[in-house]
Amino acid sequence: KLKTDAKPLIDGLKRAMLDGLTTLNAGMPKNEKVRVLQRGPHRLSVTPLDAQDEPTNIAALKEEILRRWASTSLLDMLKEAELRIGFTQAFQTTASRETLERAELQRRLLLCLHGLGTNAGLKRMVTSDMNVTYKELLYVRRRFIQKSSLRNAIGQVVNATFAARQVELWGEGTTACASDSKKFGAWDQNLMTEWHIRYGGRGVMIYWHVEKKSVCIHSQLKRCSSSEVAAMMEGVLRHCTDMTVEKNYVDTHGQSE
């Protein structure tokens, strides 16, 4: 619970800053790791720390991982997730009927999702060994990949990740998550594009909710000037996963709003 009186907080910060600067000033003549520069925008130069010795088991662990999963591509991982979960069943056509065989549709959906998710694009997915054309992938993209179906598929993958975690390795399930936004550049033709006052440039914001063990449970598109409080509440209430969110952490921007 935040206090209404800001003076004790400000006084404490001032004392901490004064103590830190006093310690720095007293130790500068004998400190070989910090130098005061006469030119450039950065006047303090801090010598990097010496690298720690590599743990003895790291090299063996890397060799074993490389032996088991040598050069595993993201497309192979996406296909393996589909074979285990079957999340492509969430994608249904917006047309009145569906004529594609499910096996062929499954393959084209995976190529579309891989191209969109990696930002490589659909044209990069069209190669000689894939036996598919750009127009065929574009048709699947327009007819099958919608916001609601994509969110449902992501929820299935997240829930499967939660179920597959071993307690002895990952610990007990958590009920807390953190949320924050990131700016992405966008063209002016996008109706959501706005000028960002803090970061500069035109773009949009993507607001993510990530649980304690780095699994994203919700993402959404927002304007640069829109409130982060509304986006935070949207993700907590409508994340479409089996996770029970009891706590949500935000940065100073979200806290100030």
Protein backbone atom coordinates (compact mmCIF):
# COMPACT_ATOMS: atom_id res chain seq x y z
CA LYS A 1 0.00 0.00 0.00
CA LEU A 2 1.47 3.35 -1.06
CA LYS A 3 1.78 6.15 1.46
CA THR A 4 0.25 9.54 0.71
CA ASP A 5 3.12 11.50 2.29
CA ALA A 6 6.07 11.62 -0.11
CA LYS A 7 8.49 13.55 2.12
CA PRO A 8 9.86 10.53 4.09
CA LEU A 9 10.51 8.67 0.83
CA ILE A 10 12.29 11.65 -0.75
CA ASP A 11 14.38 12.27 2.38
CA GLY A 12 15.44 8.62 2.43
CA LEU A 13 16.46 8.74 -1.23
CA LYS A 14 18.46 11.92 -0.62
CA ARG A 15 20.31 10.36 2.30
CA ALA A 16 21.08 7.20 0.31
CA MET A 17 22.34 9.26 -2.64
CA LEU A 18 24.49 11.47 -0.37
CA ASP A 19 26.02 8.44 1.36
CA GLY A 20 26.77 6.79 -1.98
CA LEU A 21 28.37 9.91 -3.47
CA THR A 22 30.42 10.46 -0.29
CA THR A 23 31.73 6.89 -0.45
CA LEU A 24 32.54 7.28 -4.16
CA ASN A 25 34.35 10.58 -3.63
CA ALA A 26 36.42 9.20 -0.74
CA GLY A 27 37.45 6.09 -2.65
CA MET A 28 38.17 7.63 -6.08
CA PRO A 29 41.88 8.39 -5.49
CA LYS A 30 42.62 4.74 -4.67
CA ASN A 31 40.07 3.12 -6.97
CA GLU A 32 41.82 1.60 -9.98
CA LYS A 33 38.59 0.36 -11.54
CA VAL A 34 36.93 3.78 -12.02
CA ARG A 35 38.36 6.71 -14.01
CA VAL A 36 37.08 10.24 -14.55
CA LEU A 37 37.24 11.19 -18.24
CA GLN A 38 37.75 14.72 -19.56
CA ARG A 39 35.98 14.23 -22.90
CA GLY A 40 32.90 12.57 -24.27
CA PRO A 41 29.32 12.39 -23.03
CA HIS A 42 30.16 9.78 -20.38
CA ARG A 43 32.60 11.14 -17.81
CA LEU A 44 32.91 8.00 -15.66
CA SER A 45 34.67 4.92 -17.04
CA VAL A 46 34.18 1.67 -15.12
CA THR A 47 36.53 -1.23 -15.83
CA PRO A 48 34.62 -4.46 -16.63
CA LEU A 49 34.84 -7.23 -14.08
CA ASP A 50 37.09 -10.18 -14.77
CA ALA A 51 35.25 -13.14 -16.25
CA GLN A 52 34.53 -15.95 -13.82
CA ASP A 53 35.88 -19.40 -14.44
CA GLU A 54 33.49 -21.56 -16.44
CA PRO A 55 31.88 -24.32 -14.34
CA THR A 56 33.36 -27.73 -15.02
CA ASN A 57 30.04 -29.29 -16.03
CA ILE A 58 29.03 -26.61 -18.57
CA ALA A 59 31.20 -27.96 -21.39
CA ALA A 60 29.89 -31.51 -20.91
CA LEU A 61 26.31 -30.22 -20.75
CA LYS A 62 26.70 -28.27 -24.01
CA GLU A 63 28.17 -31.30 -25.76
CA GLU A 64 25.28 -33.51 -24.63
CA ILE A 65 22.66 -30.98 -25.75
CA LEU A 66 24.38 -30.63 -29.13
CA ARG A 67 24.54 -34.41 -29.51
CA ARG A 68 20.83 -34.88 -28.79
CA TRP A 69 19.38 -31.84 -30.55
CA ALA A 70 21.96 -30.72 -33.09
CA SER A 71 20.79 -27.70 -35.10
CA THR A 72 17.11 -28.14 -34.22
CA SER A 73 15.14 -25.50 -36.14
CA LEU A 74 12.19 -23.54 -34.79
CA LEU A 75 9.98 -25.15 -37.43
CA ASP A 76 10.87 -28.61 -36.09
CA MET A 77 10.01 -27.46 -32.57
CA LEU A 78 6.70 -26.02 -33.79
CA LYS A 79 5.88 -29.29 -35.56
CA GLU A 80 6.75 -31.32 -32.45
CA ALA A 81 4.45 -29.13 -30.36
CA GLU A 82 1.65 -29.69 -32.88
CA LEU A 83 2.13 -33.47 -32.83
CA ARG A 84 1.95 -33.48 -29.03
CA ILE A 85 -0.84 -30.93 -28.53
CA GLY A 86 -2.77 -30.62 -31.79
CA PHE A 87 -3.27 -26.87 -31.45
CA THR A 88 -4.01 -26.43 -35.17
CA GLN A 89 -7.49 -27.82 -34.46
CA ALA A 90 -8.24 -24.36 -33.05
CA PHE A 91 -8.00 -22.83 -36.54
CA GLN A 92 -11.28 -23.13 -38.40
CA THR A 93 -12.19 -21.56 -41.72
CA THR A 94 -14.22 -18.37 -41.90
CA ALA A 95 -15.83 -19.61 -45.13
CA SER A 96 -19.01 -21.66 -45.34
CA ARG A 97 -17.14 -24.92 -45.96
CA GLU A 98 -13.68 -26.47 -45.78
CA THR A 99 -12.30 -28.50 -48.70
CA LEU A 100 -8.63 -28.92 -47.78
CA GLU A 101 -7.55 -32.21 -46.28
CA ARG A 102 -6.68 -31.81 -42.63
CA ALA A 103 -3.12 -33.11 -43.05
CA GLU A 104 -2.37 -30.61 -45.83
CA LEU A 105 -4.06 -27.81 -43.90
CA GLN A 106 -2.01 -28.70 -40.84
CA ARG A 107 1.23 -28.41 -42.83
CA ARG A 108 0.27 -25.06 -44.35
CA LEU A 109 -0.84 -23.69 -40.99
CA LEU A 110 2.51 -24.56 -39.43
CA LEU A 111 4.34 -22.82 -42.28
CA CYS A 112 2.14 -19.73 -41.91
CA LEU A 113 2.57 -19.59 -38.13
CA HIS A 114 6.33 -20.04 -38.46
CA GLY A 115 6.59 -17.28 -41.05
CA LEU A 116 4.47 -14.87 -39.03
CA GLY A 117 5.99 -15.72 -35.66
CA THR A 118 9.61 -15.32 -36.79
CA ASN A 119 8.79 -12.25 -38.93
CA ALA A 120 10.35 -14.03 -41.91
CA GLY A 121 7.14 -13.71 -43.91
CA LEU A 122 5.14 -16.19 -45.95
CA LYS A 123 7.30 -15.86 -49.07
CA ARG A 124 10.34 -17.13 -47.16
CA MET A 125 8.42 -20.30 -46.32
CA VAL A 126 8.01 -21.15 -50.00
CA THR A 127 10.96 -23.38 -50.91
CA SER A 128 11.46 -26.23 -53.36
CA ASP A 129 11.18 -28.95 -50.71
CA MET A 130 7.98 -27.56 -49.16
CA ASN A 131 5.83 -28.13 -52.28
CA VAL A 132 3.58 -25.16 -51.56
CA THR A 133 3.02 -21.78 -53.23
CA TYR A 134 2.80 -18.31 -51.75
CA LYS A 135 -0.83 -17.92 -52.82
CA GLU A 136 -1.75 -21.15 -51.03
CA LEU A 137 -0.17 -19.92 -47.79
CA LEU A 138 -1.81 -16.52 -48.22
CA TYR A 139 -5.19 -18.22 -48.61
CA VAL A 140 -4.69 -20.16 -45.36
CA ARG A 141 -3.52 -16.99 -43.61
CA ARG A 142 -6.64 -15.06 -44.63
CA ARG A 143 -9.18 -17.86 -44.13
CA PHE A 144 -7.96 -19.63 -41.00
CA ILE A 145 -5.66 -17.47 -38.87
CA GLN A 146 -7.83 -15.07 -36.88
CA LYS A 147 -7.28 -13.33 -33.55
CA SER A 148 -9.62 -15.57 -31.56
CA SER A 149 -8.29 -18.83 -33.01
CA LEU A 150 -4.68 -17.74 -32.54
CA ARG A 151 -5.32 -16.83 -28.90
CA ASN A 152 -6.99 -20.21 -28.34
CA ALA A 153 -4.02 -22.06 -29.86
CA ILE A 154 -1.55 -20.10 -27.73
CA GLY A 155 -3.60 -20.96 -24.64
CA GLN A 156 -3.35 -24.67 -25.49
CA VAL A 157 0.44 -24.46 -25.85
CA VAL A 158 0.78 -22.56 -22.56
CA ASN A 159 -1.42 -25.05 -20.70
CA ALA A 160 0.56 -27.96 -22.14
CA THR A 161 3.77 -26.28 -20.99
CA PHE A 162 2.39 -25.97 -17.46
CA ALA A 163 1.32 -29.63 -17.46
CA ALA A 164 4.69 -30.89 -18.75
CA ARG A 165 6.80 -29.12 -16.16
CA GLN A 166 8.44 -31.39 -13.62
CA VAL A 167 8.07 -30.07 -10.09
CA GLU A 168 11.55 -31.22 -9.04
CA LEU A 169 13.08 -29.10 -11.83
CA TRP A 170 10.73 -26.12 -12.12
CA GLY A 171 9.27 -25.95 -8.63
CA GLU A 172 5.64 -25.54 -7.69
CA GLY A 173 3.27 -23.62 -9.91
CA THR A 174 3.19 -19.87 -9.45
CA THR A 175 0.24 -17.49 -9.20
CA ALA A 176 2.18 -14.30 -9.99
CA CYS A 177 3.07 -12.68 -13.28
CA ALA A 178 4.68 -9.47 -14.52
CA SER A 179 3.46 -7.23 -17.32
CA ASP A 180 5.14 -4.59 -19.45
CA SER A 181 4.96 -3.09 -22.92
CA LYS A 182 7.45 -2.69 -25.78
CA LYS A 183 7.36 -0.23 -28.66
CA PHE A 184 7.49 -1.44 -32.25
CA GLY A 185 7.81 0.83 -35.25
CA ALA A 186 4.80 0.96 -37.57
CA TRP A 187 3.77 2.76 -40.73
CA ASP A 188 1.50 5.80 -40.62
CA GLN A 189 -1.16 3.87 -42.54
CA ASN A 190 -1.76 1.77 -39.42
CA LEU A 191 -4.68 3.35 -37.55
CA MET A 192 -3.07 2.37 -34.22
CA THR A 193 0.19 4.19 -34.98
CA GLU A 194 1.06 7.14 -32.73
CA TRP A 195 4.13 9.17 -31.86
CA HIS A 196 5.75 7.91 -28.66
CA ILE A 197 6.68 10.83 -26.40
CA ARG A 198 9.32 8.96 -24.39
CA TYR A 199 11.02 6.72 -26.97
CA GLY A 200 10.41 8.91 -30.01
CA GLY A 201 9.25 7.79 -33.42
CA ARG A 202 5.94 6.43 -34.63
CA GLY A 203 4.79 2.98 -33.67
CA VAL A 204 2.52 0.79 -31.59
CA MET A 205 2.89 -0.95 -28.24
CA ILE A 206 2.68 -4.67 -27.49
CA TYR A 207 1.74 -5.37 -23.87
CA TRP A 208 2.83 -8.75 -22.48
CA HIS A 209 1.92 -10.73 -19.37
CA VAL A 210 4.70 -13.18 -18.43
CA GLU A 211 4.51 -15.62 -15.55
CA LYS A 212 7.40 -16.13 -13.12
CA LYS A 213 9.07 -18.87 -15.16
CA SER A 214 9.13 -16.94 -18.46
CA VAL A 215 5.97 -18.23 -20.17
CA CYS A 216 3.92 -15.51 -21.87
CA ILE A 217 0.25 -16.01 -20.98
CA HIS A 218 -1.20 -13.00 -22.79
CA SER A 219 -0.24 -10.33 -25.33
CA GLN A 220 -2.19 -7.47 -26.83
CA LEU A 221 -1.80 -4.51 -29.16
CA LYS A 222 -2.29 -1.00 -27.77
CA ARG A 223 -1.66 2.61 -28.70
CA CYS A 224 1.37 4.46 -27.40
CA SER A 225 -0.81 6.90 -25.45
CA SER A 226 -3.39 4.46 -24.09
CA SER A 227 -3.47 3.52 -20.41
CA GLU A 228 -1.37 0.59 -19.25
CA VAL A 229 -3.80 -0.04 -16.39
CA ALA A 230 -6.55 -1.13 -18.78
CA ALA A 231 -4.12 -3.38 -20.67
CA MET A 232 -2.86 -4.88 -17.41
CA MET A 233 -6.38 -5.70 -16.21
CA GLU A 234 -7.31 -7.10 -19.63
CA GLY A 235 -4.46 -9.60 -19.49
CA VAL A 236 -5.14 -10.63 -15.90
CA LEU A 237 -8.83 -11.27 -16.52
CA ARG A 238 -8.74 -12.71 -20.05
CA HIS A 239 -5.48 -14.59 -20.45
CA CYS A 240 -7.27 -17.80 -21.61
CA THR A 241 -4.96 -20.20 -19.75
CA ASP A 242 -5.28 -22.48 -16.73
CA MET A 243 -3.07 -20.22 -14.62
CA THR A 244 -4.69 -18.54 -11.63
CA VAL A 245 -3.26 -15.02 -11.42
CA GLU A 246 -3.32 -13.67 -7.87
CA LYS A 247 -0.51 -11.11 -8.18
CA ASN A 248 0.65 -8.93 -11.05
CA TYR A 249 3.80 -6.82 -11.02
CA VAL A 250 4.35 -3.71 -13.14
CA ASP A 251 7.17 -1.20 -13.58
CA THR A 252 7.20 2.42 -12.40
CA HIS A 253 5.14 3.52 -15.42
CA GLY A 254 2.35 1.10 -14.62
CA GLN A 255 2.53 1.93 -10.91
CA SER A 256 2.29 5.68 -11.52
CA GLU A 257 -0.83 5.20 -13.63
